[in-house]
């Protein structure tokens, strides 16, 4: 099974109580974090850049 590290997949793994599924979810989440960094921290920066560009575009 190959799960994506999204909220539903992680919460489903938790709800399942299946140790192998939990470990797979953990590994997928860690791999995502290692590859892309902390998306939750970067999201506000992304939104700020979008707002800047949209403000320029409105002139």
PDB file of N, CA and C in Angstrom:
ATOM      1  N   UNK A   1       0.848  -1.187   0.000  1.00  0.00           N
ATOM      2  CA  UNK A   1       0.000   0.000   0.000  1.00  0.00           C
ATOM      3  C   UNK A   1       0.883   1.237   0.000  1.00  0.00           C
ATOM      4  N   UNK A   2       0.548   2.195  -0.813  1.00  0.00           N
ATOM      5  CA  UNK A   2       1.312   3.429  -0.891  1.00  0.00           C
ATOM      6  C   UNK A   2       0.388   4.587  -0.548  1.00  0.00           C
ATOM      7  N   UNK A   3       0.528   5.133   0.657  1.00  0.00           N
ATOM      8  CA  UNK A   3      -0.365   6.218   1.056  1.00  0.00           C
ATOM      9  C   UNK A   3       0.317   7.557   0.892  1.00  0.00           C
ATOM     10  N   UNK A   4      -0.468   8.546   0.580  1.00  0.00           N
ATOM     11  CA  UNK A   4       0.009   9.917   0.455  1.00  0.00           C
ATOM     12  C   UNK A   4      -0.114  10.565   1.839  1.00  0.00           C
ATOM     13  N   UNK A   5       0.828  11.431   2.179  1.00  0.00           N
ATOM     14  CA  UNK A   5       0.827  12.025   3.525  1.00  0.00           C
ATOM     15  C   UNK A   5      -0.153  13.186   3.686  1.00  0.00           C
ATOM     16  N   UNK A   6      -1.409  12.950   3.365  1.00  0.00           N
ATOM     17  CA  UNK A   6      -2.433  13.976   3.530  1.00  0.00           C
ATOM     18  C   UNK A   6      -3.246  13.669   4.763  1.00  0.00           C
ATOM     19  N   UNK A   7      -3.971  14.668   5.243  1.00  0.00           N
ATOM     20  CA  UNK A   7      -4.717  14.534   6.482  1.00  0.00           C
ATOM     21  C   UNK A   7      -5.620  13.323   6.541  1.00  0.00           C
ATOM     22  N   UNK A   8      -6.372  13.077   5.478  1.00  0.00           N
ATOM     23  CA  UNK A   8      -7.311  11.956   5.487  1.00  0.00           C
ATOM     24  C   UNK A   8      -6.566  10.631   5.600  1.00  0.00           C
ATOM     25  N   UNK A   9      -5.505  10.468   4.833  1.00  0.00           N
ATOM     26  CA  UNK A   9      -4.741   9.216   4.882  1.00  0.00           C
ATOM     27  C   UNK A   9      -4.142   8.994   6.268  1.00  0.00           C
ATOM     28  N   UNK A  10      -3.641  10.066   6.860  1.00  0.00           N
ATOM     29  CA  UNK A  10      -3.028   9.955   8.186  1.00  0.00           C
ATOM     30  C   UNK A  10      -4.091   9.664   9.240  1.00  0.00           C
ATOM     31  N   UNK A  11      -5.199  10.386   9.204  1.00  0.00           N
ATOM     32  CA  UNK A  11      -6.245  10.136  10.204  1.00  0.00           C
ATOM     33  C   UNK A  11      -6.882   8.765  10.005  1.00  0.00           C
ATOM     34  N   UNK A  12      -6.998   8.313   8.764  1.00  0.00           N
ATOM     35  CA  UNK A  12      -7.505   6.956   8.520  1.00  0.00           C
ATOM     36  C   UNK A  12      -6.550   5.908   9.097  1.00  0.00           C
ATOM     37  N   UNK A  13      -5.257   6.137   8.929  1.00  0.00           N
ATOM     38  CA  UNK A  13      -4.268   5.208   9.485  1.00  0.00           C
ATOM     39  C   UNK A  13      -4.366   5.165  11.008  1.00  0.00           C
ATOM     40  N   UNK A  14      -4.529   6.328  11.611  1.00  0.00           N
ATOM     41  CA  UNK A  14      -4.665   6.391  13.068  1.00  0.00           C
ATOM     42  C   UNK A  14      -5.920   5.647  13.509  1.00  0.00           C
ATOM     43  N   UNK A  15      -7.015   5.909  12.814  1.00  0.00           N
ATOM     44  CA  UNK A  15      -8.286   5.274  13.172  1.00  0.00           C
ATOM     45  C   UNK A  15      -8.241   3.755  12.973  1.00  0.00           C
ATOM     46  N   UNK A  16      -7.427   3.299  12.042  1.00  0.00           N
ATOM     47  CA  UNK A  16      -7.376   1.863  11.753  1.00  0.00           C
ATOM     48  C   UNK A  16      -6.770   1.068  12.904  1.00  0.00           C
ATOM     49  N   UNK A  17      -5.856   1.689  13.634  1.00  0.00           N
ATOM     50  CA  UNK A  17      -5.167   0.973  14.705  1.00  0.00           C
ATOM     51  C   UNK A  17      -4.212  -0.085  14.182  1.00  0.00           C
ATOM     52  N   UNK A  18      -3.955  -0.079  12.892  1.00  0.00           N
ATOM     53  CA  UNK A  18      -3.079  -1.055  12.242  1.00  0.00           C
ATOM     54  C   UNK A  18      -1.645  -0.531  12.289  1.00  0.00           C
ATOM     55  N   UNK A  19      -0.773  -1.231  13.029  1.00  0.00           N
ATOM     56  CA  UNK A  19       0.594  -0.765  13.228  1.00  0.00           C
ATOM     57  C   UNK A  19       1.342  -0.583  11.916  1.00  0.00           C
ATOM     58  N   UNK A  20       1.202  -1.505  10.986  1.00  0.00           N
ATOM     59  CA  UNK A  20       1.927  -1.378   9.722  1.00  0.00           C
ATOM     60  C   UNK A  20       1.423  -0.183   8.922  1.00  0.00           C
ATOM     61  N   UNK A  21       0.138   0.059   8.975  1.00  0.00           N
ATOM     62  CA  UNK A  21      -0.435   1.223   8.279  1.00  0.00           C
ATOM     63  C   UNK A  21       0.023   2.526   8.932  1.00  0.00           C
ATOM     64  N   UNK A  22       0.094   2.533  10.261  1.00  0.00           N
ATOM     65  CA  UNK A  22       0.588   3.715  10.979  1.00  0.00           C
ATOM     66  C   UNK A  22       2.046   4.001  10.622  1.00  0.00           C
ATOM     67  N   UNK A  23       2.843   2.959  10.570  1.00  0.00           N
ATOM     68  CA  UNK A  23       4.262   3.139  10.231  1.00  0.00           C
ATOM     69  C   UNK A  23       4.427   3.601   8.786  1.00  0.00           C
ATOM     70  N   UNK A  24       3.578   3.097   7.905  1.00  0.00           N
ATOM     71  CA  UNK A  24       3.629   3.534   6.504  1.00  0.00           C
ATOM     72  C   UNK A  24       3.252   5.013   6.394  1.00  0.00           C
ATOM     73  N   UNK A  25       2.234   5.429   7.136  1.00  0.00           N
ATOM     74  CA  UNK A  25       1.821   6.831   7.138  1.00  0.00           C
ATOM     75  C   UNK A  25       2.937   7.710   7.693  1.00  0.00           C
ATOM     76  N   UNK A  26       3.569   7.237   8.749  1.00  0.00           N
ATOM     77  CA  UNK A  26       4.682   7.994   9.338  1.00  0.00           C
ATOM     78  C   UNK A  26       5.827   8.142   8.347  1.00  0.00           C
ATOM     79  N   UNK A  27       6.176   7.064   7.672  1.00  0.00           N
ATOM     80  CA  UNK A  27       7.266   7.105   6.697  1.00  0.00           C
ATOM     81  C   UNK A  27       6.928   8.032   5.533  1.00  0.00           C
ATOM     82  N   UNK A  28       5.687   7.971   5.070  1.00  0.00           N
ATOM     83  CA  UNK A  28       5.273   8.839   3.970  1.00  0.00           C
ATOM     84  C   UNK A  28       5.314  10.303   4.377  1.00  0.00           C
ATOM     85  N   UNK A  29       4.847  10.599   5.580  1.00  0.00           N
ATOM     86  CA  UNK A  29       4.864  11.980   6.065  1.00  0.00           C
ATOM     87  C   UNK A  29       6.297  12.481   6.241  1.00  0.00           C
ATOM     88  N   UNK A  30       7.178  11.636   6.761  1.00  0.00           N
ATOM     89  CA  UNK A  30       8.567  12.034   6.942  1.00  0.00           C
ATOM     90  C   UNK A  30       9.253  12.246   5.595  1.00  0.00           C
ATOM     91  N   UNK A  31       8.990  11.377   4.637  1.00  0.00           N
ATOM     92  CA  UNK A  31       9.578  11.528   3.301  1.00  0.00           C
ATOM     93  C   UNK A  31       9.116  12.832   2.653  1.00  0.00           C
ATOM     94  N   UNK A  32       7.832  13.146   2.818  1.00  0.00           N
ATOM     95  CA  UNK A  32       7.294  14.405   2.278  1.00  0.00           C
ATOM     96  C   UNK A  32       7.980  15.596   2.939  1.00  0.00           C
ATOM     97  N   UNK A  33       8.106  15.548   4.252  1.00  0.00           N
ATOM     98  CA  UNK A  33       8.770  16.622   4.992  1.00  0.00           C
ATOM     99  C   UNK A  33      10.222  16.768   4.564  1.00  0.00           C
ATOM    100  N   UNK A  34      10.913  15.649   4.400  1.00  0.00           N
ATOM    101  CA  UNK A  34      12.314  15.686   3.973  1.00  0.00           C
ATOM    102  C   UNK A  34      12.462  16.290   2.574  1.00  0.00           C
ATOM    103  N   UNK A  35      11.528  15.963   1.693  1.00  0.00           N
ATOM    104  CA  UNK A  35      11.630  16.429   0.314  1.00  0.00           C
ATOM    105  C   UNK A  35      11.164  17.869   0.143  1.00  0.00           C
ATOM    106  N   UNK A  36      10.073  18.237   0.814  1.00  0.00           N
ATOM    107  CA  UNK A  36       9.459  19.541   0.563  1.00  0.00           C
ATOM    108  C   UNK A  36       9.558  20.519   1.725  1.00  0.00           C
ATOM    109  N   UNK A  37      10.004  20.078   2.868  1.00  0.00           N
ATOM    110  CA  UNK A  37      10.080  20.962   4.028  1.00  0.00           C
ATOM    111  C   UNK A  37       8.716  21.108   4.683  1.00  0.00           C
ATOM    112  N   UNK A  38       8.662  22.013   5.604  1.00  0.00           N
ATOM    113  CA  UNK A  38       7.448  22.228   6.382  1.00  0.00           C
ATOM    114  C   UNK A  38       6.498  23.126   5.598  1.00  0.00           C
ATOM    115  N   UNK A  39       5.580  22.513   4.878  1.00  0.00           N
ATOM    116  CA  UNK A  39       4.659  23.248   4.020  1.00  0.00           C
ATOM    117  C   UNK A  39       3.796  24.210   4.834  1.00  0.00           C
ATOM    118  N   UNK A  40       3.412  23.826   6.023  1.00  0.00           N
ATOM    119  CA  UNK A  40       2.567  24.694   6.859  1.00  0.00           C
ATOM    120  C   UNK A  40       3.268  26.005   7.183  1.00  0.00           C
ATOM    121  N   UNK A  41       4.574  25.969   7.345  1.00  0.00           N
ATOM    122  CA  UNK A  41       5.335  27.184   7.614  1.00  0.00           C
ATOM    123  C   UNK A  41       5.490  28.023   6.349  1.00  0.00           C
ATOM    124  N   UNK A  42       5.620  27.368   5.210  1.00  0.00           N
ATOM    125  CA  UNK A  42       5.825  28.077   3.951  1.00  0.00           C
ATOM    126  C   UNK A  42       4.543  28.638   3.357  1.00  0.00           C
ATOM    127  N   UNK A  43       3.408  28.087   3.705  1.00  0.00           N
ATOM    128  CA  UNK A  43       2.144  28.524   3.125  1.00  0.00           C
ATOM    129  C   UNK A  43       1.873  30.015   3.330  1.00  0.00           C
ATOM    130  N   UNK A  44       2.067  30.582   4.524  1.00  0.00           N
ATOM    131  CA  UNK A  44       1.850  32.029   4.673  1.00  0.00           C
ATOM    132  C   UNK A  44       2.785  32.863   3.777  1.00  0.00           C
ATOM    133  N   UNK A  45       4.005  32.402   3.584  1.00  0.00           N
ATOM    134  CA  UNK A  45       4.930  33.118   2.696  1.00  0.00           C
ATOM    135  C   UNK A  45       4.440  33.065   1.251  1.00  0.00           C
ATOM    136  N   UNK A  46       3.942  31.924   0.851  1.00  0.00           N
ATOM    137  CA  UNK A  46       3.384  31.766  -0.483  1.00  0.00           C
ATOM    138  C   UNK A  46       2.190  32.698  -0.673  1.00  0.00           C
ATOM    139  N   UNK A  47       1.325  32.746   0.307  1.00  0.00           N
ATOM    140  CA  UNK A  47       0.147  33.619   0.220  1.00  0.00           C
ATOM    141  C   UNK A  47       0.545  35.092   0.161  1.00  0.00           C
ATOM    142  N   UNK A  48       1.583  35.474   0.875  1.00  0.00           N
ATOM    143  CA  UNK A  48       2.075  36.844   0.849  1.00  0.00           C
ATOM    144  C   UNK A  48       2.560  37.207  -0.553  1.00  0.00           C
ATOM    145  N   UNK A  49       3.319  36.313  -1.175  1.00  0.00           N
ATOM    146  CA  UNK A  49       3.813  36.574  -2.530  1.00  0.00           C
ATOM    147  C   UNK A  49       2.667  36.648  -3.529  1.00  0.00           C
ATOM    148  N   UNK A  50       1.658  35.815  -3.361  1.00  0.00           N
ATOM    149  CA  UNK A  50       0.478  35.867  -4.230  1.00  0.00           C
ATOM    150  C   UNK A  50      -0.217  37.215  -4.079  1.00  0.00           C
ATOM    151  N   UNK A  51      -0.389  37.666  -2.852  1.00  0.00           N
ATOM    152  CA  UNK A  51      -1.049  38.946  -2.595  1.00  0.00           C
ATOM    153  C   UNK A  51      -0.264  40.099  -3.216  1.00  0.00           C
ATOM    154  N   UNK A  52       1.061  40.050  -3.128  1.00  0.00           N
ATOM    155  CA  UNK A  52       1.887  41.104  -3.723  1.00  0.00           C
ATOM    156  C   UNK A  52       1.677  41.161  -5.234  1.00  0.00           C
ATOM    157  N   UNK A  53       1.712  40.009  -5.875  1.00  0.00           N
ATOM    158  CA  UNK A  53       1.548  39.967  -7.329  1.00  0.00           C
ATOM    159  C   UNK A  53       0.137  40.372  -7.748  1.00  0.00           C
ATOM    160  N   UNK A  54      -0.844  39.954  -6.983  1.00  0.00           N
ATOM    161  CA  UNK A  54      -2.217  40.352  -7.312  1.00  0.00           C
ATOM    162  C   UNK A  54      -2.414  41.846  -7.131  1.00  0.00           C
ATOM    163  N   UNK A  55      -1.760  42.442  -6.136  1.00  0.00           N
ATOM    164  CA  UNK A  55      -1.863  43.895  -5.921  1.00  0.00           C
ATOM    165  C   UNK A  55      -1.233  44.641  -7.087  1.00  0.00           C
ATOM    166  N   UNK A  56      -0.109  44.175  -7.582  1.00  0.00           N
ATOM    167  CA  UNK A  56       0.539  44.804  -8.746  1.00  0.00           C
ATOM    168  C   UNK A  56      -0.334  44.678  -9.987  1.00  0.00           C
ATOM    169  N   UNK A  57      -0.967  43.537 -10.138  1.00  0.00           N
ATOM    170  CA  UNK A  57      -1.771  43.248 -11.315  1.00  0.00           C
ATOM    171  C   UNK A  57      -3.009  44.144 -11.384  1.00  0.00           C
ATOM    172  N   UNK A  58      -3.499  44.603 -10.248  1.00  0.00           N
ATOM    173  CA  UNK A  58      -4.733  45.379 -10.221  1.00  0.00           C
ATOM    174  C   UNK A  58      -4.534  46.831 -10.664  1.00  0.00           C
ATOM    175  N   UNK A  59      -3.300  47.241 -10.888  1.00  0.00           N
ATOM    176  CA  UNK A  59      -3.067  48.622 -11.341  1.00  0.00           C
ATOM    177  C   UNK A  59      -3.245  48.774 -12.815  1.00  0.00           C
TER     178      UNK A  59
END
